[in-house]
Amino acid sequence: MKPENRAAQITNQYLLFLDRHIEDVVQGRTMAFMEINLIASELAISHKHLIYAVRKEKGNHPSYFYNQKIIARAKELMAYSSLSIAKIAFLLTYDASNFAKFFKKWTGDTPGNFRKKIKKD
């Protein structure tokens, strides 16, 4: 088996970091989402190198995957918790209005409609 290339290693480290970081934000262990340049610094690489590696491996900018993971966590909270959408927005460091816009941009649906659909199933 061929060893993983450096871009793949960086991408995997980045995605794992995002999972931990988003959970830290939701649990209140961290008060805000880190910017990409700070995440790169935490991974001991340059901002440009992180962008290059993730784009090479996955075809999109690192922020694309950051937003995807935030949306996935929001969907999980809406589906499996009784927290209000406003509380979920707050946990994800958004005010309710901006969260609704962000969520709709990424999913095509409002948080309220998403939750209604999930609860029907």
PDB file of N, CA and C in Angstrom:
ATOM      1  N   MET A   1       0.832  -1.178   0.000  1.00  0.00           N
ATOM      2  CA  MET A   1       0.000   0.000   0.000  1.00  0.00           C
ATOM      3  C   MET A   1       0.886   1.254   0.000  1.00  0.00           C
ATOM      4  N   LYS A   2       0.548   2.185  -0.835  1.00  0.00           N
ATOM      5  CA  LYS A   2       1.311   3.415  -0.999  1.00  0.00           C
ATOM      6  C   LYS A   2       1.025   4.377   0.168  1.00  0.00           C
ATOM      7  N   PRO A   3       2.072   5.033   0.704  1.00  0.00           N
ATOM      8  CA  PRO A   3       1.815   5.989   1.796  1.00  0.00           C
ATOM      9  C   PRO A   3       0.996   7.184   1.310  1.00  0.00           C
ATOM     10  N   GLU A   4       0.220   7.732   2.225  1.00  0.00           N
ATOM     11  CA  GLU A   4      -0.630   8.882   1.924  1.00  0.00           C
ATOM     12  C   GLU A   4       0.246  10.090   1.572  1.00  0.00           C
ATOM     13  N   ASN A   5      -0.142  10.822   0.521  1.00  0.00           N
ATOM     14  CA  ASN A   5       0.635  12.003   0.153  1.00  0.00           C
ATOM     15  C   ASN A   5       0.405  13.130   1.162  1.00  0.00           C
ATOM     16  N   ARG A   6       1.284  14.111   1.131  1.00  0.00           N
ATOM     17  CA  ARG A   6       1.239  15.195   2.116  1.00  0.00           C
ATOM     18  C   ARG A   6      -0.054  16.000   2.034  1.00  0.00           C
ATOM     19  N   ALA A   7      -0.546  16.271   0.822  1.00  0.00           N
ATOM     20  CA  ALA A   7      -1.801  17.025   0.684  1.00  0.00           C
ATOM     21  C   ALA A   7      -2.959  16.259   1.310  1.00  0.00           C
ATOM     22  N   ALA A   8      -2.968  14.941   1.131  1.00  0.00           N
ATOM     23  CA  ALA A   8      -4.024  14.119   1.734  1.00  0.00           C
ATOM     24  C   ALA A   8      -3.910  14.134   3.257  1.00  0.00           C
ATOM     25  N   GLN A   9      -2.686  14.082   3.771  1.00  0.00           N
ATOM     26  CA  GLN A   9      -2.484  14.140   5.228  1.00  0.00           C
ATOM     27  C   GLN A   9      -3.004  15.461   5.793  1.00  0.00           C
ATOM     28  N   ILE A  10      -2.629  16.544   5.133  1.00  0.00           N
ATOM     29  CA  ILE A  10      -3.061  17.871   5.593  1.00  0.00           C
ATOM     30  C   ILE A  10      -4.580  17.979   5.551  1.00  0.00           C
ATOM     31  N   THR A  11      -5.186  17.508   4.463  1.00  0.00           N
ATOM     32  CA  THR A  11      -6.640  17.570   4.321  1.00  0.00           C
ATOM     33  C   THR A  11      -7.322  16.764   5.415  1.00  0.00           C
ATOM     34  N   ASN A  12      -6.831  15.565   5.672  1.00  0.00           N
ATOM     35  CA  ASN A  12      -7.417  14.733   6.728  1.00  0.00           C
ATOM     36  C   ASN A  12      -7.256  15.376   8.098  1.00  0.00           C
ATOM     37  N   GLN A  13      -6.082  15.948   8.371  1.00  0.00           N
ATOM     38  CA  GLN A  13      -5.865  16.643   9.641  1.00  0.00           C
ATOM     39  C   GLN A  13      -6.826  17.823   9.767  1.00  0.00           C
ATOM     40  N   TYR A  14      -7.001  18.558   8.694  1.00  0.00           N
ATOM     41  CA  TYR A  14      -7.904  19.712   8.685  1.00  0.00           C
ATOM     42  C   TYR A  14      -9.336  19.284   8.989  1.00  0.00           C
ATOM     43  N   LEU A  15      -9.811  18.261   8.305  1.00  0.00           N
ATOM     44  CA  LEU A  15     -11.192  17.814   8.505  1.00  0.00           C
ATOM     45  C   LEU A  15     -11.412  17.284   9.920  1.00  0.00           C
ATOM     46  N   LEU A  16     -10.440  16.568  10.461  1.00  0.00           N
ATOM     47  CA  LEU A  16     -10.545  16.097  11.846  1.00  0.00           C
ATOM     48  C   LEU A  16     -10.515  17.272  12.824  1.00  0.00           C
ATOM     49  N   PHE A  17      -9.667  18.253  12.544  1.00  0.00           N
ATOM     50  CA  PHE A  17      -9.609  19.446  13.380  1.00  0.00           C
ATOM     51  C   PHE A  17     -10.968  20.145  13.396  1.00  0.00           C
ATOM     52  N   LEU A  18     -11.583  20.272  12.217  1.00  0.00           N
ATOM     53  CA  LEU A  18     -12.898  20.916  12.138  1.00  0.00           C
ATOM     54  C   LEU A  18     -13.926  20.199  12.995  1.00  0.00           C
ATOM     55  N   ASP A  19     -13.948  18.871  12.933  1.00  0.00           N
ATOM     56  CA  ASP A  19     -14.904  18.102  13.739  1.00  0.00           C
ATOM     57  C   ASP A  19     -14.737  18.420  15.220  1.00  0.00           C
ATOM     58  N   ARG A  20     -13.498  18.394  15.686  1.00  0.00           N
ATOM     59  CA  ARG A  20     -13.237  18.679  17.108  1.00  0.00           C
ATOM     60  C   ARG A  20     -13.572  20.123  17.445  1.00  0.00           C
ATOM     61  N   HIS A  21     -13.170  21.022  16.584  1.00  0.00           N
ATOM     62  CA  HIS A  21     -13.378  22.449  16.840  1.00  0.00           C
ATOM     63  C   HIS A  21     -14.873  22.806  16.877  1.00  0.00           C
ATOM     64  N   ILE A  22     -15.631  22.311  15.929  1.00  0.00           N
ATOM     65  CA  ILE A  22     -17.075  22.587  15.907  1.00  0.00           C
ATOM     66  C   ILE A  22     -17.729  22.024  17.166  1.00  0.00           C
ATOM     67  N   GLU A  23     -17.321  20.841  17.573  1.00  0.00           N
ATOM     68  CA  GLU A  23     -17.884  20.268  18.804  1.00  0.00           C
ATOM     69  C   GLU A  23     -17.481  21.108  20.022  1.00  0.00           C
ATOM     70  N   ASP A  24     -16.258  21.612  20.040  1.00  0.00           N
ATOM     71  CA  ASP A  24     -15.835  22.490  21.140  1.00  0.00           C
ATOM     72  C   ASP A  24     -16.688  23.754  21.199  1.00  0.00           C
ATOM     73  N   VAL A  25     -17.028  24.304  20.040  1.00  0.00           N
ATOM     74  CA  VAL A  25     -17.876  25.502  20.005  1.00  0.00           C
ATOM     75  C   VAL A  25     -19.271  25.162  20.529  1.00  0.00           C
ATOM     76  N   VAL A  26     -19.852  24.080  20.047  1.00  0.00           N
ATOM     77  CA  VAL A  26     -21.208  23.685  20.462  1.00  0.00           C
ATOM     78  C   VAL A  26     -21.255  23.407  21.970  1.00  0.00           C
ATOM     79  N   GLN A  27     -20.208  22.786  22.487  1.00  0.00           N
ATOM     80  CA  GLN A  27     -20.178  22.448  23.916  1.00  0.00           C
ATOM     81  C   GLN A  27     -19.768  23.624  24.801  1.00  0.00           C
ATOM     82  N   GLY A  28     -19.404  24.748  24.189  1.00  0.00           N
ATOM     83  CA  GLY A  28     -19.032  25.925  24.951  1.00  0.00           C
ATOM     84  C   GLY A  28     -17.597  25.933  25.442  1.00  0.00           C
ATOM     85  N   ARG A  29     -16.785  24.988  24.982  1.00  0.00           N
ATOM     86  CA  ARG A  29     -15.373  24.959  25.379  1.00  0.00           C
ATOM     87  C   ARG A  29     -14.567  26.014  24.615  1.00  0.00           C
ATOM     88  N   THR A  30     -15.096  26.444  23.486  1.00  0.00           N
ATOM     89  CA  THR A  30     -14.511  27.503  22.669  1.00  0.00           C
ATOM     90  C   THR A  30     -15.628  28.471  22.349  1.00  0.00           C
ATOM     91  N   MET A  31     -15.344  29.760  22.399  1.00  0.00           N
ATOM     92  CA  MET A  31     -16.408  30.747  22.267  1.00  0.00           C
ATOM     93  C   MET A  31     -16.717  31.170  20.828  1.00  0.00           C
ATOM     94  N   ALA A  32     -15.814  30.895  19.892  1.00  0.00           N
ATOM     95  CA  ALA A  32     -16.038  31.346  18.518  1.00  0.00           C
ATOM     96  C   ALA A  32     -15.337  30.412  17.544  1.00  0.00           C
ATOM     97  N   PHE A  33     -15.815  30.430  16.320  1.00  0.00           N
ATOM     98  CA  PHE A  33     -15.159  29.658  15.272  1.00  0.00           C
ATOM     99  C   PHE A  33     -13.860  30.338  14.880  1.00  0.00           C
ATOM    100  N   MET A  34     -12.846  29.533  14.687  1.00  0.00           N
ATOM    101  CA  MET A  34     -11.542  30.044  14.280  1.00  0.00           C
ATOM    102  C   MET A  34     -11.551  30.373  12.797  1.00  0.00           C
ATOM    103  N   GLU A  35     -10.744  31.341  12.416  1.00  0.00           N
ATOM    104  CA  GLU A  35     -10.563  31.648  11.007  1.00  0.00           C
ATOM    105  C   GLU A  35      -9.613  30.620  10.403  1.00  0.00           C
ATOM    106  N   ILE A  36      -9.700  30.468   9.093  1.00  0.00           N
ATOM    107  CA  ILE A  36      -8.887  29.474   8.385  1.00  0.00           C
ATOM    108  C   ILE A  36      -7.396  29.685   8.650  1.00  0.00           C
ATOM    109  N   ASN A  37      -6.938  30.936   8.664  1.00  0.00           N
ATOM    110  CA  ASN A  37      -5.506  31.171   8.877  1.00  0.00           C
ATOM    111  C   ASN A  37      -5.059  30.702  10.262  1.00  0.00           C
ATOM    112  N   LEU A  38      -5.930  30.812  11.272  1.00  0.00           N
ATOM    113  CA  LEU A  38      -5.582  30.331  12.612  1.00  0.00           C
ATOM    114  C   LEU A  38      -5.594  28.810  12.677  1.00  0.00           C
ATOM    115  N   ILE A  39      -6.508  28.203  11.953  1.00  0.00           N
ATOM    116  CA  ILE A  39      -6.528  26.739  11.887  1.00  0.00           C
ATOM    117  C   ILE A  39      -5.248  26.244  11.225  1.00  0.00           C
ATOM    118  N   ALA A  40      -4.844  26.889  10.138  1.00  0.00           N
ATOM    119  CA  ALA A  40      -3.597  26.511   9.459  1.00  0.00           C
ATOM    120  C   ALA A  40      -2.430  26.607  10.440  1.00  0.00           C
ATOM    121  N   SER A  41      -2.404  27.674  11.214  1.00  0.00           N
ATOM    122  CA  SER A  41      -1.352  27.846  12.202  1.00  0.00           C
ATOM    123  C   SER A  41      -1.366  26.709  13.229  1.00  0.00           C
ATOM    124  N   GLU A  42      -2.559  26.319  13.672  1.00  0.00           N
ATOM    125  CA  GLU A  42      -2.689  25.188  14.608  1.00  0.00           C
ATOM    126  C   GLU A  42      -2.170  23.887  13.995  1.00  0.00           C
ATOM    127  N   LEU A  43      -2.298  23.763  12.687  1.00  0.00           N
ATOM    128  CA  LEU A  43      -1.819  22.567  11.985  1.00  0.00           C
ATOM    129  C   LEU A  43      -0.348  22.698  11.576  1.00  0.00           C
ATOM    130  N   ALA A  44       0.264  23.807  11.957  1.00  0.00           N
ATOM    131  CA  ALA A  44       1.680  24.081  11.687  1.00  0.00           C
ATOM    132  C   ALA A  44       2.002  24.165  10.199  1.00  0.00           C
ATOM    133  N   ILE A  45       1.086  24.774   9.450  1.00  0.00           N
ATOM    134  CA  ILE A  45       1.320  25.020   8.030  1.00  0.00           C
ATOM    135  C   ILE A  45       0.842  26.437   7.708  1.00  0.00           C
ATOM    136  N   SER A  46       1.212  26.910   6.541  1.00  0.00           N
ATOM    137  CA  SER A  46       0.765  28.244   6.153  1.00  0.00           C
ATOM    138  C   SER A  46      -0.680  28.192   5.654  1.00  0.00           C
ATOM    139  N   HIS A  47      -1.319  29.333   5.708  1.00  0.00           N
ATOM    140  CA  HIS A  47      -2.678  29.488   5.208  1.00  0.00           C
ATOM    141  C   HIS A  47      -2.745  29.066   3.732  1.00  0.00           C
ATOM    142  N   LYS A  48      -1.798  29.542   2.940  1.00  0.00           N
ATOM    143  CA  LYS A  48      -1.772  29.217   1.504  1.00  0.00           C
ATOM    144  C   LYS A  48      -1.578  27.728   1.268  1.00  0.00           C
ATOM    145  N   HIS A  49      -0.730  27.114   2.085  1.00  0.00           N
ATOM    146  CA  HIS A  49      -0.491  25.673   1.917  1.00  0.00           C
ATOM    147  C   HIS A  49      -1.741  24.863   2.256  1.00  0.00           C
ATOM    148  N   LEU A  50      -2.459  25.285   3.285  1.00  0.00           N
ATOM    149  CA  LEU A  50      -3.711  24.608   3.638  1.00  0.00           C
ATOM    150  C   LEU A  50      -4.700  24.704   2.473  1.00  0.00           C
ATOM    151  N   ILE A  51      -4.860  25.895   1.934  1.00  0.00           N
ATOM    152  CA  ILE A  51      -5.779  26.082   0.808  1.00  0.00           C
ATOM    153  C   ILE A  51      -5.364  25.207  -0.373  1.00  0.00           C
ATOM    154  N   TYR A  52      -4.073  25.232  -0.701  1.00  0.00           N
ATOM    155  CA  TYR A  52      -3.563  24.435  -1.819  1.00  0.00           C
ATOM    156  C   TYR A  52      -3.848  22.941  -1.602  1.00  0.00           C
ATOM    157  N   ALA A  53      -3.517  22.446  -0.412  1.00  0.00           N
ATOM    158  CA  ALA A  53      -3.664  21.013  -0.131  1.00  0.00           C
ATOM    159  C   ALA A  53      -5.126  20.566  -0.194  1.00  0.00           C
ATOM    160  N   VAL A  54      -6.006  21.328   0.433  1.00  0.00           N
ATOM    161  CA  VAL A  54      -7.423  20.945   0.457  1.00  0.00           C
ATOM    162  C   VAL A  54      -8.015  21.031  -0.950  1.00  0.00           C
ATOM    163  N   ARG A  55      -7.693  22.079  -1.668  1.00  0.00           N
ATOM    164  CA  ARG A  55      -8.188  22.190  -3.054  1.00  0.00           C
ATOM    165  C   ARG A  55      -7.679  21.052  -3.919  1.00  0.00           C
ATOM    166  N   LYS A  56      -6.415  20.710  -3.750  1.00  0.00           N
ATOM    167  CA  LYS A  56      -5.820  19.621  -4.539  1.00  0.00           C
ATOM    168  C   LYS A  56      -6.536  18.300  -4.258  1.00  0.00           C
ATOM    169  N   GLU A  57      -6.814  18.041  -2.999  1.00  0.00           N
ATOM    170  CA  GLU A  57      -7.423  16.766  -2.604  1.00  0.00           C
ATOM    171  C   GLU A  57      -8.930  16.713  -2.809  1.00  0.00           C
ATOM    172  N   LYS A  58      -9.602  17.814  -2.537  1.00  0.00           N
ATOM    173  CA  LYS A  58     -11.068  17.801  -2.502  1.00  0.00           C
ATOM    174  C   LYS A  58     -11.741  18.693  -3.543  1.00  0.00           C
ATOM    175  N   GLY A  59     -10.972  19.587  -4.176  1.00  0.00           N
ATOM    176  CA  GLY A  59     -11.539  20.408  -5.236  1.00  0.00           C
ATOM    177  C   GLY A  59     -12.229  21.682  -4.797  1.00  0.00           C
ATOM    178  N   ASN A  60     -12.264  21.951  -3.507  1.00  0.00           N
ATOM    179  CA  ASN A  60     -12.895  23.169  -2.993  1.00  0.00           C
ATOM    180  C   ASN A  60     -12.021  23.820  -1.930  1.00  0.00           C
ATOM    181  N   HIS A  61     -12.293  25.092  -1.689  1.00  0.00           N
ATOM    182  CA  HIS A  61     -11.605  25.872  -0.662  1.00  0.00           C
ATOM    183  C   HIS A  61     -11.916  25.276   0.717  1.00  0.00           C
ATOM    184  N   PRO A  62     -10.981  25.362   1.655  1.00  0.00           N
ATOM    185  CA  PRO A  62     -11.242  24.840   3.007  1.00  0.00           C
ATOM    186  C   PRO A  62     -12.514  25.392   3.653  1.00  0.00           C
ATOM    187  N   SER A  63     -12.858  26.639   3.384  1.00  0.00           N
ATOM    188  CA  SER A  63     -14.058  27.207   4.005  1.00  0.00           C
ATOM    189  C   SER A  63     -15.328  26.491   3.560  1.00  0.00           C
ATOM    190  N   TYR A  64     -15.315  25.929   2.360  1.00  0.00           N
ATOM    191  CA  TYR A  64     -16.460  25.151   1.882  1.00  0.00           C
ATOM    192  C   TYR A  64     -16.738  23.983   2.833  1.00  0.00           C
ATOM    193  N   PHE A  65     -15.696  23.281   3.207  1.00  0.00           N
ATOM    194  CA  PHE A  65     -15.865  22.126   4.090  1.00  0.00           C
ATOM    195  C   PHE A  65     -16.179  22.545   5.522  1.00  0.00           C
ATOM    196  N   TYR A  66     -15.656  23.673   5.932  1.00  0.00           N
ATOM    197  CA  TYR A  66     -15.964  24.251   7.242  1.00  0.00           C
ATOM    198  C   TYR A  66     -17.476  24.512   7.322  1.00  0.00           C
ATOM    199  N   ASN A  67     -18.004  25.209   6.326  1.00  0.00           N
ATOM    200  CA  ASN A  67     -19.437  25.507   6.299  1.00  0.00           C
ATOM    201  C   ASN A  67     -20.271  24.237   6.206  1.00  0.00           C
ATOM    202  N   GLN A  68     -19.834  23.277   5.390  1.00  0.00           N
ATOM    203  CA  GLN A  68     -20.559  22.009   5.280  1.00  0.00           C
ATOM    204  C   GLN A  68     -20.665  21.316   6.633  1.00  0.00           C
ATOM    205  N   LYS A  69     -19.573  21.310   7.372  1.00  0.00           N
ATOM    206  CA  LYS A  69     -19.574  20.638   8.675  1.00  0.00           C
ATOM    207  C   LYS A  69     -20.430  21.388   9.698  1.00  0.00           C
ATOM    208  N   ILE A  70     -20.441  22.708   9.632  1.00  0.00           N
ATOM    209  CA  ILE A  70     -21.312  23.484  10.518  1.00  0.00           C
ATOM    210  C   ILE A  70     -22.773  23.169  10.202  1.00  0.00           C
ATOM    211  N   ILE A  71     -23.118  23.118   8.929  1.00  0.00           N
ATOM    212  CA  ILE A  71     -24.491  22.778   8.515  1.00  0.00           C
ATOM    213  C   ILE A  71     -24.848  21.360   8.959  1.00  0.00           C
ATOM    214  N   ALA A  72     -23.934  20.431   8.791  1.00  0.00           N
ATOM    215  CA  ALA A  72     -24.204  19.050   9.213  1.00  0.00           C
ATOM    216  C   ALA A  72     -24.470  18.985  10.711  1.00  0.00           C
ATOM    217  N   ARG A  73     -23.695  19.732  11.494  1.00  0.00           N
ATOM    218  CA  ARG A  73     -23.900  19.737  12.949  1.00  0.00           C
ATOM    219  C   ARG A  73     -25.225  20.409  13.300  1.00  0.00           C
ATOM    220  N   ALA A  74     -25.568  21.481  12.586  1.00  0.00           N
ATOM    221  CA  ALA A  74     -26.854  22.147  12.808  1.00  0.00           C
ATOM    222  C   ALA A  74     -28.008  21.189  12.514  1.00  0.00           C
ATOM    223  N   LYS A  75     -27.921  20.472  11.411  1.00  0.00           N
ATOM    224  CA  LYS A  75     -28.973  19.507  11.055  1.00  0.00           C
ATOM    225  C   LYS A  75     -29.105  18.431  12.126  1.00  0.00           C
ATOM    226  N   GLU A  76     -27.969  17.965  12.619  1.00  0.00           N
ATOM    227  CA  GLU A  76     -27.978  16.951  13.667  1.00  0.00           C
ATOM    228  C   GLU A  76     -28.671  17.483  14.925  1.00  0.00           C
ATOM    229  N   LEU A  77     -28.330  18.702  15.312  1.00  0.00           N
ATOM    230  CA  LEU A  77     -28.960  19.299  16.495  1.00  0.00           C
ATOM    231  C   LEU A  77     -30.461  19.485  16.283  1.00  0.00           C
ATOM    232  N   MET A  78     -30.866  19.892  15.080  1.00  0.00           N
ATOM    233  CA  MET A  78     -32.295  20.081  14.820  1.00  0.00           C
ATOM    234  C   MET A  78     -33.048  18.751  14.807  1.00  0.00           C
ATOM    235  N   ALA A  79     -32.396  17.713  14.323  1.00  0.00           N
ATOM    236  CA  ALA A  79     -33.052  16.416  14.213  1.00  0.00           C
ATOM    237  C   ALA A  79     -33.108  15.663  15.539  1.00  0.00           C
ATOM    238  N   TYR A  80     -32.066  15.779  16.354  1.00  0.00           N
ATOM    239  CA  TYR A  80     -31.957  14.910  17.526  1.00  0.00           C
ATOM    240  C   TYR A  80     -32.021  15.624  18.869  1.00  0.00           C
ATOM    241  N   SER A  81     -32.293  16.918  18.862  1.00  0.00           N
ATOM    242  CA  SER A  81     -32.427  17.605  20.143  1.00  0.00           C
ATOM    243  C   SER A  81     -33.736  18.383  20.163  1.00  0.00           C
ATOM    244  N   SER A  82     -34.133  18.773  21.345  1.00  0.00           N
ATOM    245  CA  SER A  82     -35.346  19.581  21.467  1.00  0.00           C
ATOM    246  C   SER A  82     -35.002  21.067  21.591  1.00  0.00           C
ATOM    247  N   LEU A  83     -33.733  21.408  21.365  1.00  0.00           N
ATOM    248  CA  LEU A  83     -33.327  22.808  21.437  1.00  0.00           C
ATOM    249  C   LEU A  83     -34.054  23.633  20.385  1.00  0.00           C
ATOM    250  N   SER A  84     -34.383  24.852  20.735  1.00  0.00           N
ATOM    251  CA  SER A  84     -35.011  25.742  19.757  1.00  0.00           C
ATOM    252  C   SER A  84     -33.995  26.076  18.669  1.00  0.00           C
ATOM    253  N   ILE A  85     -34.498  26.485  17.523  1.00  0.00           N
ATOM    254  CA  ILE A  85     -33.610  26.878  16.429  1.00  0.00           C
ATOM    255  C   ILE A  85     -32.771  28.080  16.846  1.00  0.00           C
ATOM    256  N   ALA A  86     -33.347  28.987  17.591  1.00  0.00           N
ATOM    257  CA  ALA A  86     -32.594  30.144  18.082  1.00  0.00           C
ATOM    258  C   ALA A  86     -31.443  29.703  18.994  1.00  0.00           C
ATOM    259  N   LYS A  87     -31.687  28.707  19.839  1.00  0.00           N
ATOM    260  CA  LYS A  87     -30.638  28.197  20.730  1.00  0.00           C
ATOM    261  C   LYS A  87     -29.548  27.485  19.920  1.00  0.00           C
ATOM    262  N   ILE A  88     -29.947  26.740  18.912  1.00  0.00           N
ATOM    263  CA  ILE A  88     -28.968  26.077  18.041  1.00  0.00           C
ATOM    264  C   ILE A  88     -28.120  27.130  17.327  1.00  0.00           C
ATOM    265  N   ALA A  89     -28.775  28.166  16.836  1.00  0.00           N
ATOM    266  CA  ALA A  89     -28.043  29.265  16.185  1.00  0.00           C
ATOM    267  C   ALA A  89     -27.035  29.859  17.162  1.00  0.00           C
ATOM    268  N   PHE A  90     -27.476  30.112  18.379  1.00  0.00           N
ATOM    269  CA  PHE A  90     -26.602  30.678  19.401  1.00  0.00           C
ATOM    270  C   PHE A  90     -25.413  29.760  19.680  1.00  0.00           C
ATOM    271  N   LEU A  91     -25.672  28.453  19.814  1.00  0.00           N
ATOM    272  CA  LEU A  91     -24.586  27.494  20.054  1.00  0.00           C
ATOM    273  C   LEU A  91     -23.561  27.518  18.931  1.00  0.00           C
ATOM    274  N   LEU A  92     -24.042  27.798  17.727  1.00  0.00           N
ATOM    275  CA  LEU A  92     -23.160  27.840  16.555  1.00  0.00           C
ATOM    276  C   LEU A  92     -22.644  29.257  16.288  1.00  0.00           C
ATOM    277  N   THR A  93     -22.782  30.118  17.251  1.00  0.00           N
ATOM    278  CA  THR A  93     -22.279  31.502  17.260  1.00  0.00           C
ATOM    279  C   THR A  93     -22.961  32.423  16.254  1.00  0.00           C
ATOM    280  N   TYR A  94     -24.189  32.144  15.897  1.00  0.00           N
ATOM    281  CA  TYR A  94     -24.959  32.982  14.981  1.00  0.00           C
ATOM    282  C   TYR A  94     -26.117  33.615  15.734  1.00  0.00           C
ATOM    283  N   ASP A  95     -26.583  34.765  15.233  1.00  0.00           N
ATOM    284  CA  ASP A  95     -27.886  35.219  15.700  1.00  0.00           C
ATOM    285  C   ASP A  95     -28.905  34.493  14.804  1.00  0.00           C
ATOM    286  N   ALA A  96     -30.135  34.400  15.252  1.00  0.00           N
ATOM    287  CA  ALA A  96     -31.132  33.574  14.562  1.00  0.00           C
ATOM    288  C   ALA A  96     -31.330  33.979  13.101  1.00  0.00           C
ATOM    289  N   SER A  97     -31.358  35.274  12.836  1.00  0.00           N
ATOM    290  CA  SER A  97     -31.589  35.755  11.472  1.00  0.00           C
ATOM    291  C   SER A  97     -30.445  35.363  10.532  1.00  0.00           C
ATOM    292  N   ASN A  98     -29.206  35.610  10.963  1.00  0.00           N
ATOM    293  CA  ASN A  98     -28.063  35.245  10.122  1.00  0.00           C
ATOM    294  C   ASN A  98     -27.944  33.742   9.953  1.00  0.00           C
ATOM    295  N   PHE A  99     -28.274  33.002  11.003  1.00  0.00           N
ATOM    296  CA  PHE A  99     -28.235  31.551  10.909  1.00  0.00           C
ATOM    297  C   PHE A  99     -29.235  31.051   9.877  1.00  0.00           C
ATOM    298  N   ALA A 100     -30.440  31.608   9.892  1.00  0.00           N
ATOM    299  CA  ALA A 100     -31.468  31.195   8.925  1.00  0.00           C
ATOM    300  C   ALA A 100     -31.002  31.461   7.497  1.00  0.00           C
ATOM    301  N   LYS A 101     -30.380  32.610   7.263  1.00  0.00           N
ATOM    302  CA  LYS A 101     -29.866  32.935   5.926  1.00  0.00           C
ATOM    303  C   LYS A 101     -28.751  31.976   5.520  1.00  0.00           C
ATOM    304  N   PHE A 102     -27.819  31.736   6.438  1.00  0.00           N
ATOM    305  CA  PHE A 102     -26.705  30.819   6.199  1.00  0.00           C
ATOM    306  C   PHE A 102     -27.231  29.414   5.894  1.00  0.00           C
ATOM    307  N   PHE A 103     -28.163  28.948   6.708  1.00  0.00           N
ATOM    308  CA  PHE A 103     -28.712  27.605   6.550  1.00  0.00           C
ATOM    309  C   PHE A 103     -29.427  27.476   5.202  1.00  0.00           C
ATOM    310  N   LYS A 104     -30.239  28.461   4.867  1.00  0.00           N
ATOM    311  CA  LYS A 104     -30.985  28.413   3.604  1.00  0.00           C
ATOM    312  C   LYS A 104     -30.039  28.461   2.405  1.00  0.00           C
ATOM    313  N   LYS A 105     -29.004  29.268   2.502  1.00  0.00           N
ATOM    314  CA  LYS A 105     -28.026  29.347   1.407  1.00  0.00           C
ATOM    315  C   LYS A 105     -27.400  27.982   1.137  1.00  0.00           C
ATOM    316  N   TRP A 106     -27.104  27.239   2.184  1.00  0.00           N
ATOM    317  CA  TRP A 106     -26.425  25.952   2.035  1.00  0.00           C
ATOM    318  C   TRP A 106     -27.357  24.776   1.786  1.00  0.00           C
ATOM    319  N   THR A 107     -28.603  24.872   2.242  1.00  0.00           N
ATOM    320  CA  THR A 107     -29.501  23.718   2.120  1.00  0.00           C
ATOM    321  C   THR A 107     -30.684  23.960   1.191  1.00  0.00           C
ATOM    322  N   GLY A 108     -30.969  25.230   0.915  1.00  0.00           N
ATOM    323  CA  GLY A 108     -32.143  25.556   0.121  1.00  0.00           C
ATOM    324  C   GLY A 108     -33.427  25.560   0.924  1.00  0.00           C
ATOM    325  N   ASP A 109     -33.317  25.366   2.222  1.00  0.00           N
ATOM    326  CA  ASP A 109     -34.486  25.310   3.092  1.00  0.00           C
ATOM    327  C   ASP A 109     -34.238  26.134   4.346  1.00  0.00           C
ATOM    328  N   THR A 110     -35.299  26.618   4.957  1.00  0.00           N
ATOM    329  CA  THR A 110     -35.145  27.327   6.219  1.00  0.00           C
ATOM    330  C   THR A 110     -34.954  26.303   7.338  1.00  0.00           C
ATOM    331  N   PRO A 111     -34.357  26.709   8.441  1.00  0.00           N
ATOM    332  CA  PRO A 111     -34.219  25.781   9.563  1.00  0.00           C
ATOM    333  C   PRO A 111     -35.565  25.225  10.040  1.00  0.00           C
ATOM    334  N   GLY A 112     -36.579  26.093  10.094  1.00  0.00           N
ATOM    335  CA  GLY A 112     -37.910  25.644  10.537  1.00  0.00           C
ATOM    336  C   GLY A 112     -38.501  24.593   9.617  1.00  0.00           C
ATOM    337  N   ASN A 113     -38.416  24.820   8.311  1.00  0.00           N
ATOM    338  CA  ASN A 113     -38.928  23.833   7.356  1.00  0.00           C
ATOM    339  C   ASN A 113     -38.136  22.538   7.415  1.00  0.00           C
ATOM    340  N   PHE A 114     -36.821  22.659   7.568  1.00  0.00           N
ATOM    341  CA  PHE A 114     -35.991  21.455   7.690  1.00  0.00           C
ATOM    342  C   PHE A 114     -36.435  20.628   8.882  1.00  0.00           C
ATOM    343  N   ARG A 115     -36.631  21.283  10.016  1.00  0.00           N
ATOM    344  CA  ARG A 115     -37.022  20.560  11.235  1.00  0.00           C
ATOM    345  C   ARG A 115     -38.409  19.918  11.062  1.00  0.00           C
ATOM    346  N   LYS A 116     -39.335  20.629  10.438  1.00  0.00           N
ATOM    347  CA  LYS A 116     -40.673  20.058  10.193  1.00  0.00           C
ATOM    348  C   LYS A 116     -40.579  18.800   9.349  1.00  0.00           C
ATOM    349  N   LYS A 117     -39.788  18.846   8.294  1.00  0.00           N
ATOM    350  CA  LYS A 117     -39.623  17.681   7.426  1.00  0.00           C
ATOM    351  C   LYS A 117     -39.014  16.504   8.180  1.00  0.00           C
ATOM    352  N   ILE A 118     -38.013  16.788   9.010  1.00  0.00           N
ATOM    353  CA  ILE A 118     -37.348  15.735   9.785  1.00  0.00           C
ATOM    354  C   ILE A 118     -38.322  15.110  10.769  1.00  0.00           C
ATOM    355  N   LYS A 119     -39.103  15.927  11.426  1.00  0.00           N
ATOM    356  CA  LYS A 119     -40.020  15.429  12.454  1.00  0.00           C
ATOM    357  C   LYS A 119     -41.171  14.635  11.845  1.00  0.00           C
ATOM    358  N   LYS A 120     -41.514  14.892  10.559  1.00  0.00           N
ATOM    359  CA  LYS A 120     -42.570  14.129   9.883  1.00  0.00           C
ATOM    360  C   LYS A 120     -42.164  12.693   9.643  1.00  0.00           C
ATOM    361  N   ASP A 121     -40.875  12.521   9.294  1.00  0.00           N
ATOM    362  CA  ASP A 121     -40.371  11.182   8.915  1.00  0.00           C
ATOM    363  C   ASP A 121     -40.321  10.220  10.034  1.00  0.00           C
TER     364      ASP A 121
END
